[in-house]
Amino acid sequence: MMPLAFMNIGGQELILILLIILVLFGARKLPELARGMGQAIKEFQKAKDEFSDELHTAGKTDVAASTDVRPAGSTLPATIPRIENAAGDSVVRPTPTETVEPGSKV
């Protein structure tokens, strides 16, 4: 893990960094660089806020959708019909009243 000592930038270090940037890019490019950096930060904040809003709205719709769950034994019709022993179904299931011993063949 990297130490957090590099985050403690003092006044002298900051002036030295700005001086190096001035030498590298020149006085005419600094306003353009600052403007571009400001726009990039603004776009990043906008994207972060949109992502956060999307998470909050998704959480609210999930909660609303989960309240639509029906209790067991509900009298409402099922949304998917249940088909037992359909054509081509090779598994023979016992009737609900029939008892089956484990290991016996039906």
N, C-alpha and C. Protein backbone atom coordinates (compact mmCIF):
# COMPACT_ATOMS: atom_id res chain seq x y z
N MET A 1 0.86 -1.18 0.00
CA MET A 1 0.00 0.00 0.00
C MET A 1 0.90 1.23 0.00
N MET A 2 0.53 2.22 -0.80
CA MET A 2 1.34 3.43 -0.92
C MET A 2 1.09 4.35 0.26
N PRO A 3 2.13 4.95 0.78
CA PRO A 3 1.92 5.89 1.88
C PRO A 3 1.21 7.14 1.39
N LEU A 4 0.47 7.76 2.25
CA LEU A 4 -0.28 8.96 1.89
C LEU A 4 0.55 10.22 2.04
N ALA A 5 1.86 10.10 2.17
CA ALA A 5 2.73 11.25 2.34
C ALA A 5 2.77 12.12 1.10
N PHE A 6 2.55 11.54 -0.08
CA PHE A 6 2.59 12.33 -1.30
C PHE A 6 1.42 13.31 -1.40
N MET A 7 0.39 13.13 -0.59
CA MET A 7 -0.77 14.02 -0.61
C MET A 7 -0.50 15.33 0.15
N ASN A 8 0.56 15.37 0.96
CA ASN A 8 0.88 16.54 1.75
C ASN A 8 1.80 17.47 0.94
N ILE A 9 1.22 18.22 0.04
CA ILE A 9 1.99 19.14 -0.79
C ILE A 9 1.96 20.51 -0.13
N GLY A 10 3.15 21.04 0.14
CA GLY A 10 3.25 22.35 0.77
C GLY A 10 3.28 23.46 -0.26
N GLY A 11 3.42 24.68 0.20
CA GLY A 11 3.43 25.85 -0.67
C GLY A 11 4.61 25.87 -1.62
N GLN A 12 5.80 25.53 -1.13
CA GLN A 12 6.98 25.54 -1.98
C GLN A 12 6.89 24.49 -3.08
N GLU A 13 6.40 23.31 -2.74
CA GLU A 13 6.27 22.27 -3.74
C GLU A 13 5.25 22.65 -4.81
N LEU A 14 4.16 23.27 -4.40
CA LEU A 14 3.13 23.69 -5.34
C LEU A 14 3.66 24.75 -6.30
N ILE A 15 4.43 25.70 -5.79
CA ILE A 15 5.03 26.74 -6.65
C ILE A 15 6.01 26.10 -7.64
N LEU A 16 6.79 25.14 -7.17
CA LEU A 16 7.73 24.44 -8.05
C LEU A 16 7.00 23.68 -9.17
N ILE A 17 5.92 23.01 -8.83
CA ILE A 17 5.13 22.28 -9.84
C ILE A 17 4.54 23.25 -10.86
N LEU A 18 3.99 24.37 -10.40
CA LEU A 18 3.42 25.36 -11.32
C LEU A 18 4.49 25.98 -12.21
N LEU A 19 5.68 26.19 -11.67
CA LEU A 19 6.80 26.74 -12.46
C LEU A 19 7.22 25.75 -13.55
N ILE A 20 7.28 24.48 -13.23
CA ILE A 20 7.62 23.46 -14.23
C ILE A 20 6.56 23.41 -15.33
N ILE A 21 5.29 23.49 -14.95
CA ILE A 21 4.21 23.50 -15.94
C ILE A 21 4.32 24.73 -16.83
N LEU A 22 4.64 25.87 -16.26
CA LEU A 22 4.80 27.11 -17.03
C LEU A 22 5.93 26.98 -18.04
N VAL A 23 7.04 26.37 -17.63
CA VAL A 23 8.18 26.20 -18.53
C VAL A 23 7.84 25.21 -19.65
N LEU A 24 7.15 24.14 -19.31
CA LEU A 24 6.83 23.12 -20.31
C LEU A 24 5.82 23.60 -21.35
N PHE A 25 4.77 24.29 -20.92
CA PHE A 25 3.69 24.63 -21.83
C PHE A 25 3.72 26.09 -22.29
N GLY A 26 4.35 26.95 -21.59
CA GLY A 26 4.40 28.35 -21.97
C GLY A 26 3.22 29.13 -21.42
N ALA A 27 3.37 30.47 -21.40
CA ALA A 27 2.35 31.33 -20.80
C ALA A 27 1.08 31.39 -21.63
N ARG A 28 1.18 31.21 -22.92
CA ARG A 28 -0.02 31.29 -23.79
C ARG A 28 -0.90 30.05 -23.68
N LYS A 29 -0.32 28.91 -23.38
CA LYS A 29 -1.09 27.66 -23.31
C LYS A 29 -1.75 27.44 -21.95
N LEU A 30 -1.27 28.11 -20.91
CA LEU A 30 -1.82 27.88 -19.57
C LEU A 30 -3.32 28.16 -19.45
N PRO A 31 -3.84 29.28 -19.99
CA PRO A 31 -5.30 29.49 -19.89
C PRO A 31 -6.09 28.41 -20.63
N GLU A 32 -5.58 27.95 -21.78
CA GLU A 32 -6.26 26.89 -22.52
C GLU A 32 -6.25 25.59 -21.72
N LEU A 33 -5.10 25.28 -21.11
CA LEU A 33 -5.02 24.06 -20.30
C LEU A 33 -5.96 24.13 -19.10
N ALA A 34 -5.99 25.28 -18.44
CA ALA A 34 -6.87 25.44 -17.28
C ALA A 34 -8.34 25.33 -17.69
N ARG A 35 -8.69 25.94 -18.83
CA ARG A 35 -10.06 25.86 -19.32
C ARG A 35 -10.45 24.42 -19.65
N GLY A 36 -9.54 23.72 -20.32
CA GLY A 36 -9.80 22.32 -20.65
C GLY A 36 -9.92 21.44 -19.42
N MET A 37 -9.07 21.70 -18.43
CA MET A 37 -9.14 20.93 -17.19
C MET A 37 -10.45 21.21 -16.45
N GLY A 38 -10.89 22.46 -16.46
CA GLY A 38 -12.16 22.81 -15.82
C GLY A 38 -13.34 22.13 -16.49
N GLN A 39 -13.32 22.09 -17.83
CA GLN A 39 -14.40 21.42 -18.56
C GLN A 39 -14.38 19.91 -18.29
N ALA A 40 -13.19 19.33 -18.20
CA ALA A 40 -13.09 17.90 -17.92
C ALA A 40 -13.64 17.58 -16.54
N ILE A 41 -13.32 18.42 -15.56
CA ILE A 41 -13.82 18.20 -14.20
C ILE A 41 -15.33 18.36 -14.17
N LYS A 42 -15.86 19.35 -14.89
CA LYS A 42 -17.30 19.57 -14.95
C LYS A 42 -18.02 18.37 -15.58
N GLU A 43 -17.46 17.82 -16.66
CA GLU A 43 -18.04 16.65 -17.31
C GLU A 43 -18.00 15.43 -16.39
N PHE A 44 -16.90 15.29 -15.67
CA PHE A 44 -16.78 14.18 -14.73
C PHE A 44 -17.84 14.29 -13.64
N GLN A 45 -18.02 15.48 -13.08
CA GLN A 45 -19.03 15.67 -12.04
C GLN A 45 -20.43 15.38 -12.58
N LYS A 46 -20.69 15.83 -13.80
CA LYS A 46 -22.00 15.61 -14.43
C LYS A 46 -22.26 14.11 -14.61
N ALA A 47 -21.26 13.38 -15.10
CA ALA A 47 -21.41 11.93 -15.29
C ALA A 47 -21.60 11.22 -13.95
N LYS A 48 -20.88 11.68 -12.93
CA LYS A 48 -21.00 11.08 -11.60
C LYS A 48 -22.41 11.31 -11.04
N ASP A 49 -22.94 12.52 -11.21
CA ASP A 49 -24.28 12.82 -10.72
C ASP A 49 -25.34 12.01 -11.47
N GLU A 50 -25.18 11.88 -12.79
CA GLU A 50 -26.13 11.09 -13.58
C GLU A 50 -26.11 9.63 -13.15
N PHE A 51 -24.92 9.10 -12.90
CA PHE A 51 -24.79 7.72 -12.45
C PHE A 51 -25.45 7.53 -11.09
N SER A 52 -25.23 8.47 -10.20
CA SER A 52 -25.83 8.40 -8.87
C SER A 52 -27.35 8.47 -8.95
N ASP A 53 -27.86 9.37 -9.78
CA ASP A 53 -29.32 9.47 -9.96
C ASP A 53 -29.88 8.19 -10.54
N GLU A 54 -29.17 7.59 -11.49
CA GLU A 54 -29.63 6.34 -12.09
C GLU A 54 -29.69 5.23 -11.05
N LEU A 55 -28.70 5.17 -10.16
CA LEU A 55 -28.72 4.17 -9.10
C LEU A 55 -29.90 4.37 -8.16
N HIS A 56 -30.18 5.63 -7.83
CA HIS A 56 -31.29 5.90 -6.91
C HIS A 56 -32.63 5.57 -7.56
N THR A 57 -32.80 5.90 -8.84
CA THR A 57 -34.07 5.60 -9.50
C THR A 57 -34.23 4.10 -9.71
N ALA A 58 -33.12 3.39 -9.97
CA ALA A 58 -33.20 1.94 -10.14
C ALA A 58 -33.58 1.28 -8.81
N GLY A 59 -33.05 1.80 -7.72
CA GLY A 59 -33.40 1.27 -6.40
C GLY A 59 -34.86 1.48 -6.08
N LYS A 60 -35.41 2.64 -6.46
CA LYS A 60 -36.82 2.92 -6.20
C LYS A 60 -37.72 2.03 -7.04
N THR A 61 -37.37 1.78 -8.30
CA THR A 61 -38.20 0.92 -9.15
C THR A 61 -38.11 -0.53 -8.70
N ASP A 62 -36.96 -0.97 -8.17
CA ASP A 62 -36.84 -2.33 -7.67
C ASP A 62 -37.74 -2.53 -6.46
N VAL A 63 -37.81 -1.54 -5.58
CA VAL A 63 -38.67 -1.63 -4.40
C VAL A 63 -40.13 -1.67 -4.82
N ALA A 64 -40.50 -0.85 -5.82
CA ALA A 64 -41.89 -0.84 -6.30
C ALA A 64 -42.24 -2.17 -6.96
N ALA A 65 -41.32 -2.77 -7.68
CA ALA A 65 -41.56 -4.03 -8.36
C ALA A 65 -41.67 -5.17 -7.36
N SER A 66 -40.92 -5.12 -6.25
CA SER A 66 -40.95 -6.21 -5.28
C SER A 66 -42.23 -6.20 -4.46
N THR A 67 -42.98 -5.10 -4.43
CA THR A 67 -44.24 -5.08 -3.70
C THR A 67 -45.34 -5.78 -4.47
N ASP A 68 -45.07 -6.21 -5.70
CA ASP A 68 -46.05 -6.87 -6.55
C ASP A 68 -46.07 -8.38 -6.31
N VAL A 69 -45.32 -8.88 -5.32
CA VAL A 69 -45.23 -10.30 -5.04
C VAL A 69 -46.50 -10.74 -4.35
N ARG A 70 -47.07 -11.88 -4.82
CA ARG A 70 -48.30 -12.41 -4.23
C ARG A 70 -47.96 -13.42 -3.14
N PRO A 71 -48.75 -13.48 -2.10
CA PRO A 71 -48.52 -14.49 -1.06
C PRO A 71 -48.89 -15.88 -1.58
N ALA A 72 -48.37 -16.92 -0.91
CA ALA A 72 -48.67 -18.30 -1.30
C ALA A 72 -50.15 -18.57 -1.10
N GLY A 73 -50.76 -19.32 -2.03
CA GLY A 73 -52.18 -19.64 -1.92
C GLY A 73 -53.07 -18.52 -2.39
N SER A 74 -52.53 -17.57 -3.14
CA SER A 74 -53.31 -16.45 -3.63
C SER A 74 -54.34 -16.92 -4.64
N THR A 75 -55.45 -16.25 -4.73
CA THR A 75 -56.51 -16.64 -5.66
C THR A 75 -56.32 -16.02 -7.04
N LEU A 76 -55.29 -15.19 -7.22
CA LEU A 76 -55.03 -14.62 -8.52
C LEU A 76 -54.48 -15.68 -9.45
N PRO A 77 -54.81 -15.62 -10.75
CA PRO A 77 -54.29 -16.62 -11.68
C PRO A 77 -52.79 -16.47 -11.88
N ALA A 78 -52.12 -17.56 -12.13
CA ALA A 78 -50.68 -17.54 -12.37
C ALA A 78 -50.40 -16.92 -13.73
N THR A 79 -49.26 -16.28 -13.86
CA THR A 79 -48.92 -15.66 -15.13
C THR A 79 -48.36 -16.66 -16.13
N ILE A 80 -47.81 -17.76 -15.64
CA ILE A 80 -47.27 -18.80 -16.52
C ILE A 80 -48.08 -20.06 -16.26
N PRO A 81 -48.74 -20.60 -17.30
CA PRO A 81 -49.53 -21.81 -17.07
C PRO A 81 -48.63 -22.99 -16.76
N ARG A 82 -49.08 -23.85 -15.89
CA ARG A 82 -48.30 -25.03 -15.51
C ARG A 82 -48.84 -26.22 -16.28
N ILE A 83 -47.96 -26.89 -16.98
CA ILE A 83 -48.35 -28.05 -17.78
C ILE A 83 -47.70 -29.27 -17.17
N GLU A 84 -48.51 -30.23 -16.76
CA GLU A 84 -47.97 -31.45 -16.18
C GLU A 84 -48.15 -32.59 -17.15
N ASN A 85 -47.10 -33.41 -17.23
CA ASN A 85 -47.08 -34.56 -18.13
C ASN A 85 -47.44 -34.17 -19.55
N ALA A 86 -46.73 -33.18 -20.05
CA ALA A 86 -46.95 -32.73 -21.42
C ALA A 86 -46.46 -33.80 -22.39
N ALA A 87 -46.89 -33.71 -23.63
CA ALA A 87 -46.48 -34.66 -24.65
C ALA A 87 -44.96 -34.64 -24.79
N GLY A 88 -44.35 -35.79 -24.81
CA GLY A 88 -42.91 -35.86 -24.92
C GLY A 88 -42.21 -35.83 -23.58
N ASP A 89 -42.96 -35.67 -22.50
CA ASP A 89 -42.37 -35.66 -21.17
C ASP A 89 -42.20 -37.10 -20.73
N SER A 90 -40.98 -37.56 -20.56
CA SER A 90 -40.72 -38.97 -20.25
C SER A 90 -40.78 -39.25 -18.75
N VAL A 91 -40.85 -38.24 -17.93
CA VAL A 91 -40.88 -38.43 -16.48
C VAL A 91 -42.33 -38.61 -16.05
N VAL A 92 -42.59 -39.71 -15.35
CA VAL A 92 -43.94 -39.96 -14.85
C VAL A 92 -43.97 -39.53 -13.40
N ARG A 93 -44.85 -38.61 -13.11
CA ARG A 93 -44.95 -38.09 -11.75
C ARG A 93 -46.15 -38.73 -11.05
N PRO A 94 -46.00 -39.06 -9.78
CA PRO A 94 -47.14 -39.65 -9.06
C PRO A 94 -48.20 -38.59 -8.78
N THR A 95 -49.42 -39.04 -8.61
CA THR A 95 -50.50 -38.12 -8.26
C THR A 95 -50.28 -37.65 -6.83
N PRO A 96 -50.86 -36.51 -6.45
CA PRO A 96 -50.63 -35.98 -5.10
C PRO A 96 -51.08 -36.91 -3.98
N THR A 97 -52.07 -37.80 -4.23
CA THR A 97 -52.55 -38.68 -3.18
C THR A 97 -51.78 -39.99 -3.12
N GLU A 98 -50.98 -40.28 -4.11
CA GLU A 98 -50.23 -41.53 -4.18
C GLU A 98 -48.93 -41.40 -3.38
N THR A 99 -48.62 -42.41 -2.56
CA THR A 99 -47.36 -42.41 -1.82
C THR A 99 -46.36 -43.26 -2.56
N VAL A 100 -45.13 -42.82 -2.57
CA VAL A 100 -44.06 -43.51 -3.28
C VAL A 100 -42.93 -43.77 -2.31
N GLU A 101 -42.47 -45.00 -2.25
CA GLU A 101 -41.35 -45.36 -1.41
C GLU A 101 -40.06 -44.93 -2.08
N PRO A 102 -39.08 -44.41 -1.35
CA PRO A 102 -37.81 -44.06 -1.97
C PRO A 102 -37.13 -45.32 -2.52
N GLY A 103 -36.63 -45.22 -3.74
CA GLY A 103 -35.93 -46.33 -4.39
C GLY A 103 -36.86 -47.20 -5.21
N SER A 104 -38.17 -47.07 -5.07
CA SER A 104 -39.09 -47.91 -5.87
C SER A 104 -39.36 -47.23 -7.20
N LYS A 105 -39.62 -48.04 -8.21
CA LYS A 105 -39.93 -47.51 -9.53
C LYS A 105 -41.44 -47.41 -9.67
N VAL A 106 -41.87 -46.34 -10.25
CA VAL A 106 -43.31 -46.09 -10.40
C VAL A 106 -43.80 -46.70 -11.68
